[in-house]
Amino acid sequence: MFIICPFILKKIGGVKVNAMALFPFIILKNLNQKEDENLIYHEKIHWRQQIELLLIGFYILYLFFYFKNRWNKMNPYQAYLEIPFEKEAYNDTPLRKNKWFGWLKFIK
């Protein structure tokens, strides 16, 4: 299910946000994004990660990795890109071929 909410999705932690997966919703900045297959695929990967970690575990680990990256002197955007969940979601592997807990292989 999609929610269009342009006023929420601006910048979070210094990173420009276009969409966000909050299971069972995908929050989009504008209606046209519903047609962006890459964006929707990316957010569906996050849905799966949220299910794997029973929602709250995903959010705790997501913030942990982000702040760990910031602690390691990364700028906000680089810290975001280095989160294992984002690395898996930006991977070009089709969702059906991704293994459960596939984000673990991206932890350094």
N, C-alpha and C. Protein backbone atom coordinates (compact mmCIF):
# COMPACT_ATOMS: atom_id res chain seq x y z
N MET A 1 0.83 -1.17 0.00
CA MET A 1 0.00 0.00 0.00
C MET A 1 0.89 1.25 0.00
N PHE A 2 0.53 2.22 -0.80
CA PHE A 2 1.31 3.44 -0.93
C PHE A 2 0.66 4.59 -0.18
N ILE A 3 1.50 5.43 0.40
CA ILE A 3 1.06 6.67 1.03
C ILE A 3 1.85 7.79 0.38
N ILE A 4 1.17 8.81 -0.10
CA ILE A 4 1.85 9.97 -0.68
C ILE A 4 1.92 11.04 0.41
N CYS A 5 3.13 11.42 0.76
CA CYS A 5 3.30 12.32 1.89
C CYS A 5 4.52 13.21 1.67
N PRO A 6 4.41 14.24 0.82
CA PRO A 6 5.57 15.07 0.48
C PRO A 6 6.14 15.87 1.64
N PHE A 7 5.33 16.21 2.63
CA PHE A 7 5.84 17.05 3.71
C PHE A 7 6.69 16.28 4.72
N ILE A 8 6.58 14.96 4.79
CA ILE A 8 7.41 14.18 5.70
C ILE A 8 8.78 13.90 5.08
N LEU A 9 8.77 13.58 3.80
CA LEU A 9 10.01 13.16 3.14
C LEU A 9 10.77 14.36 2.59
N LYS A 10 11.59 14.92 3.37
CA LYS A 10 12.45 16.03 2.95
C LYS A 10 13.89 15.57 3.14
N LYS A 11 14.46 15.91 4.28
CA LYS A 11 15.80 15.47 4.64
C LYS A 11 15.75 14.86 6.02
N ILE A 12 16.37 13.71 6.15
CA ILE A 12 16.47 13.05 7.44
C ILE A 12 17.95 12.81 7.70
N GLY A 13 18.45 13.36 8.77
CA GLY A 13 19.86 13.18 9.10
C GLY A 13 20.80 13.69 8.03
N GLY A 14 20.39 14.72 7.29
CA GLY A 14 21.25 15.27 6.25
C GLY A 14 21.16 14.54 4.92
N VAL A 15 20.28 13.56 4.80
CA VAL A 15 20.14 12.78 3.57
C VAL A 15 18.78 13.08 2.96
N LYS A 16 18.76 13.43 1.67
CA LYS A 16 17.51 13.68 0.95
C LYS A 16 16.75 12.35 0.82
N VAL A 17 15.50 12.35 1.24
CA VAL A 17 14.69 11.13 1.26
C VAL A 17 13.59 11.24 0.21
N ASN A 18 13.52 10.26 -0.70
CA ASN A 18 12.49 10.22 -1.73
C ASN A 18 11.36 9.26 -1.41
N ALA A 19 11.68 8.22 -0.66
CA ALA A 19 10.68 7.21 -0.31
C ALA A 19 11.16 6.50 0.96
N MET A 20 10.21 5.83 1.60
CA MET A 20 10.55 5.12 2.83
C MET A 20 9.61 3.93 2.99
N ALA A 21 10.18 2.81 3.37
CA ALA A 21 9.38 1.62 3.65
C ALA A 21 9.15 1.52 5.14
N LEU A 22 7.91 1.54 5.53
CA LEU A 22 7.50 1.31 6.92
C LEU A 22 6.42 0.24 6.85
N PHE A 23 6.85 -1.02 6.92
CA PHE A 23 5.95 -2.14 6.70
C PHE A 23 4.63 -1.94 7.43
N PRO A 24 3.52 -2.08 6.76
CA PRO A 24 3.25 -2.57 5.41
C PRO A 24 3.05 -1.45 4.38
N PHE A 25 3.62 -0.29 4.62
CA PHE A 25 3.44 0.84 3.72
C PHE A 25 4.73 1.23 3.03
N ILE A 26 4.59 1.87 1.87
CA ILE A 26 5.69 2.56 1.22
C ILE A 26 5.24 4.02 1.13
N ILE A 27 6.01 4.89 1.78
CA ILE A 27 5.69 6.31 1.77
C ILE A 27 6.46 6.96 0.64
N LEU A 28 5.75 7.65 -0.24
CA LEU A 28 6.36 8.29 -1.40
C LEU A 28 6.21 9.80 -1.31
N LYS A 29 7.14 10.49 -1.96
CA LYS A 29 7.10 11.94 -1.98
C LYS A 29 6.02 12.46 -2.93
N ASN A 30 5.83 11.74 -4.05
CA ASN A 30 4.78 12.15 -5.00
C ASN A 30 4.21 10.94 -5.72
N LEU A 31 3.06 11.11 -6.31
CA LEU A 31 2.32 10.03 -6.95
C LEU A 31 3.08 9.39 -8.11
N ASN A 32 3.87 10.15 -8.85
CA ASN A 32 4.60 9.62 -10.00
C ASN A 32 5.58 8.52 -9.62
N GLN A 33 6.02 8.52 -8.38
CA GLN A 33 7.00 7.52 -7.95
C GLN A 33 6.42 6.10 -7.94
N LYS A 34 5.11 5.97 -7.94
CA LYS A 34 4.50 4.63 -7.98
C LYS A 34 4.93 3.88 -9.23
N GLU A 35 5.28 4.61 -10.28
CA GLU A 35 5.66 4.01 -11.55
C GLU A 35 7.16 3.69 -11.64
N ASP A 36 7.93 4.13 -10.66
CA ASP A 36 9.38 3.92 -10.66
C ASP A 36 9.69 2.53 -10.12
N GLU A 37 9.88 1.57 -11.03
CA GLU A 37 10.08 0.18 -10.64
C GLU A 37 11.30 -0.01 -9.76
N ASN A 38 12.38 0.70 -10.06
CA ASN A 38 13.60 0.56 -9.25
C ASN A 38 13.38 1.04 -7.82
N LEU A 39 12.69 2.14 -7.67
CA LEU A 39 12.41 2.68 -6.35
C LEU A 39 11.52 1.72 -5.55
N ILE A 40 10.46 1.24 -6.18
CA ILE A 40 9.54 0.32 -5.50
C ILE A 40 10.25 -0.98 -5.14
N TYR A 41 11.07 -1.49 -6.04
CA TYR A 41 11.86 -2.69 -5.76
C TYR A 41 12.75 -2.47 -4.54
N HIS A 42 13.43 -1.32 -4.51
CA HIS A 42 14.32 -0.98 -3.40
C HIS A 42 13.55 -1.00 -2.08
N GLU A 43 12.38 -0.40 -2.08
CA GLU A 43 11.58 -0.36 -0.85
C GLU A 43 11.03 -1.73 -0.47
N LYS A 44 10.73 -2.57 -1.45
CA LYS A 44 10.27 -3.93 -1.14
C LYS A 44 11.37 -4.76 -0.49
N ILE A 45 12.62 -4.51 -0.88
CA ILE A 45 13.75 -5.17 -0.22
C ILE A 45 13.73 -4.78 1.27
N HIS A 46 13.49 -3.50 1.54
CA HIS A 46 13.43 -3.05 2.93
C HIS A 46 12.27 -3.71 3.68
N TRP A 47 11.14 -3.91 3.00
CA TRP A 47 10.04 -4.65 3.62
C TRP A 47 10.51 -6.02 4.09
N ARG A 48 11.20 -6.70 3.20
CA ARG A 48 11.67 -8.06 3.53
C ARG A 48 12.63 -8.02 4.71
N GLN A 49 13.53 -7.04 4.71
CA GLN A 49 14.46 -6.91 5.82
C GLN A 49 13.72 -6.65 7.13
N GLN A 50 12.69 -5.84 7.06
CA GLN A 50 11.90 -5.54 8.25
C GLN A 50 11.21 -6.79 8.77
N ILE A 51 10.71 -7.62 7.87
CA ILE A 51 10.07 -8.88 8.27
C ILE A 51 11.11 -9.81 8.90
N GLU A 52 12.29 -9.89 8.29
CA GLU A 52 13.35 -10.76 8.81
C GLU A 52 13.70 -10.42 10.26
N LEU A 53 13.67 -9.14 10.57
CA LEU A 53 14.10 -8.69 11.90
C LEU A 53 12.92 -8.26 12.78
N LEU A 54 11.74 -8.72 12.42
CA LEU A 54 10.53 -8.46 13.21
C LEU A 54 10.32 -6.97 13.48
N LEU A 55 10.51 -6.18 12.46
CA LEU A 55 10.32 -4.73 12.43
C LEU A 55 11.26 -3.97 13.36
N ILE A 56 11.10 -4.10 14.65
CA ILE A 56 11.85 -3.28 15.59
C ILE A 56 13.36 -3.54 15.48
N GLY A 57 13.73 -4.79 15.24
CA GLY A 57 15.15 -5.13 15.08
C GLY A 57 15.76 -4.41 13.89
N PHE A 58 14.99 -4.29 12.81
CA PHE A 58 15.46 -3.57 11.63
C PHE A 58 15.75 -2.13 11.96
N TYR A 59 14.82 -1.46 12.63
CA TYR A 59 14.99 -0.03 12.93
C TYR A 59 16.16 0.20 13.89
N ILE A 60 16.31 -0.67 14.87
CA ILE A 60 17.42 -0.54 15.81
C ILE A 60 18.74 -0.71 15.09
N LEU A 61 18.86 -1.77 14.28
CA LEU A 61 20.12 -2.01 13.56
C LEU A 61 20.38 -0.95 12.51
N TYR A 62 19.35 -0.47 11.84
CA TYR A 62 19.51 0.57 10.83
C TYR A 62 20.14 1.81 11.45
N LEU A 63 19.59 2.24 12.57
CA LEU A 63 20.13 3.41 13.27
C LEU A 63 21.53 3.14 13.81
N PHE A 64 21.75 1.93 14.32
CA PHE A 64 23.07 1.57 14.82
C PHE A 64 24.12 1.71 13.72
N PHE A 65 23.86 1.13 12.55
CA PHE A 65 24.83 1.19 11.44
C PHE A 65 25.03 2.62 10.96
N TYR A 66 23.96 3.39 10.89
CA TYR A 66 24.08 4.78 10.45
C TYR A 66 24.97 5.58 11.40
N PHE A 67 24.68 5.49 12.70
CA PHE A 67 25.47 6.26 13.67
C PHE A 67 26.90 5.74 13.80
N LYS A 68 27.10 4.45 13.62
CA LYS A 68 28.45 3.88 13.60
C LYS A 68 29.24 4.49 12.44
N ASN A 69 28.60 4.58 11.27
CA ASN A 69 29.26 5.16 10.10
C ASN A 69 29.56 6.64 10.32
N ARG A 70 28.64 7.35 10.93
CA ARG A 70 28.89 8.78 11.23
C ARG A 70 30.03 8.92 12.23
N TRP A 71 30.08 8.02 13.21
CA TRP A 71 31.16 8.02 14.19
C TRP A 71 32.50 7.82 13.50
N ASN A 72 32.48 7.05 12.42
CA ASN A 72 33.70 6.78 11.65
C ASN A 72 33.97 7.88 10.62
N LYS A 73 33.43 9.05 10.86
CA LYS A 73 33.72 10.27 10.09
C LYS A 73 33.16 10.28 8.67
N MET A 74 32.13 9.48 8.41
CA MET A 74 31.49 9.53 7.09
C MET A 74 30.49 10.68 7.07
N ASN A 75 30.33 11.32 5.90
CA ASN A 75 29.29 12.34 5.78
C ASN A 75 27.92 11.64 5.81
N PRO A 76 26.84 12.38 6.02
CA PRO A 76 25.52 11.72 6.14
C PRO A 76 25.15 10.82 4.97
N TYR A 77 25.42 11.26 3.74
CA TYR A 77 25.05 10.46 2.58
C TYR A 77 25.89 9.18 2.50
N GLN A 78 27.19 9.30 2.73
CA GLN A 78 28.06 8.12 2.69
C GLN A 78 27.68 7.14 3.81
N ALA A 79 27.36 7.69 4.99
CA ALA A 79 26.95 6.83 6.11
C ALA A 79 25.69 6.05 5.74
N TYR A 80 24.77 6.69 5.05
CA TYR A 80 23.54 6.03 4.58
C TYR A 80 23.87 4.92 3.58
N LEU A 81 24.72 5.23 2.60
CA LEU A 81 25.06 4.24 1.56
C LEU A 81 25.79 3.03 2.12
N GLU A 82 26.50 3.20 3.23
CA GLU A 82 27.29 2.10 3.81
C GLU A 82 26.49 1.22 4.77
N ILE A 83 25.22 1.54 4.99
CA ILE A 83 24.38 0.69 5.83
C ILE A 83 24.15 -0.62 5.08
N PRO A 84 24.40 -1.77 5.71
CA PRO A 84 24.23 -3.06 5.01
C PRO A 84 22.84 -3.25 4.38
N PHE A 85 21.80 -2.73 5.02
CA PHE A 85 20.45 -2.85 4.46
C PHE A 85 20.34 -2.10 3.14
N GLU A 86 20.98 -0.95 3.06
CA GLU A 86 20.96 -0.16 1.82
C GLU A 86 21.80 -0.83 0.74
N LYS A 87 22.92 -1.39 1.13
CA LYS A 87 23.75 -2.09 0.14
C LYS A 87 22.99 -3.24 -0.50
N GLU A 88 22.26 -4.00 0.31
CA GLU A 88 21.47 -5.09 -0.26
C GLU A 88 20.36 -4.54 -1.13
N ALA A 89 19.70 -3.47 -0.69
CA ALA A 89 18.58 -2.91 -1.45
C ALA A 89 19.03 -2.28 -2.76
N TYR A 90 20.25 -1.76 -2.81
CA TYR A 90 20.77 -1.19 -4.06
C TYR A 90 21.37 -2.25 -4.97
N ASN A 91 21.54 -3.47 -4.46
CA ASN A 91 22.07 -4.58 -5.25
C ASN A 91 21.06 -4.89 -6.37
N ASP A 92 21.55 -5.28 -7.53
CA ASP A 92 20.68 -5.53 -8.69
C ASP A 92 20.08 -6.93 -8.72
N THR A 93 20.33 -7.74 -7.70
CA THR A 93 19.79 -9.09 -7.68
C THR A 93 18.27 -9.05 -7.53
N PRO A 94 17.54 -9.79 -8.36
CA PRO A 94 16.08 -9.81 -8.23
C PRO A 94 15.65 -10.28 -6.84
N LEU A 95 14.59 -9.73 -6.34
CA LEU A 95 14.11 -10.03 -4.99
C LEU A 95 13.92 -11.53 -4.77
N ARG A 96 13.38 -12.21 -5.75
CA ARG A 96 13.12 -13.64 -5.59
C ARG A 96 14.41 -14.46 -5.48
N LYS A 97 15.55 -13.88 -5.93
CA LYS A 97 16.82 -14.59 -5.84
C LYS A 97 17.63 -14.18 -4.61
N ASN A 98 17.21 -13.09 -3.97
CA ASN A 98 17.91 -12.67 -2.75
C ASN A 98 17.66 -13.70 -1.65
N LYS A 99 18.69 -14.01 -0.91
CA LYS A 99 18.55 -14.93 0.20
C LYS A 99 18.10 -14.17 1.44
N TRP A 100 17.40 -14.88 2.30
CA TRP A 100 17.01 -14.29 3.57
C TRP A 100 18.27 -13.87 4.31
N PHE A 101 18.23 -12.75 4.96
CA PHE A 101 19.35 -12.17 5.70
C PHE A 101 20.55 -11.92 4.78
N GLY A 102 20.26 -11.59 3.52
CA GLY A 102 21.32 -11.30 2.54
C GLY A 102 22.13 -10.07 2.91
N TRP A 103 21.58 -9.18 3.70
CA TRP A 103 22.29 -7.98 4.12
C TRP A 103 23.50 -8.29 4.99
N LEU A 104 23.52 -9.47 5.61
CA LEU A 104 24.65 -9.84 6.48
C LEU A 104 25.98 -9.87 5.73
N LYS A 105 25.93 -10.20 4.44
CA LYS A 105 27.18 -10.28 3.67
C LYS A 105 27.78 -8.89 3.42
N PHE A 106 27.04 -7.84 3.70
CA PHE A 106 27.54 -6.49 3.48
C PHE A 106 28.11 -5.84 4.75
N ILE A 107 28.10 -6.58 5.86
CA ILE A 107 28.66 -6.02 7.10
C ILE A 107 30.17 -6.12 7.04
N LYS A 108 30.80 -5.00 7.36
CA LYS A 108 32.28 -4.96 7.38
C LYS A 108 32.78 -5.20 8.78
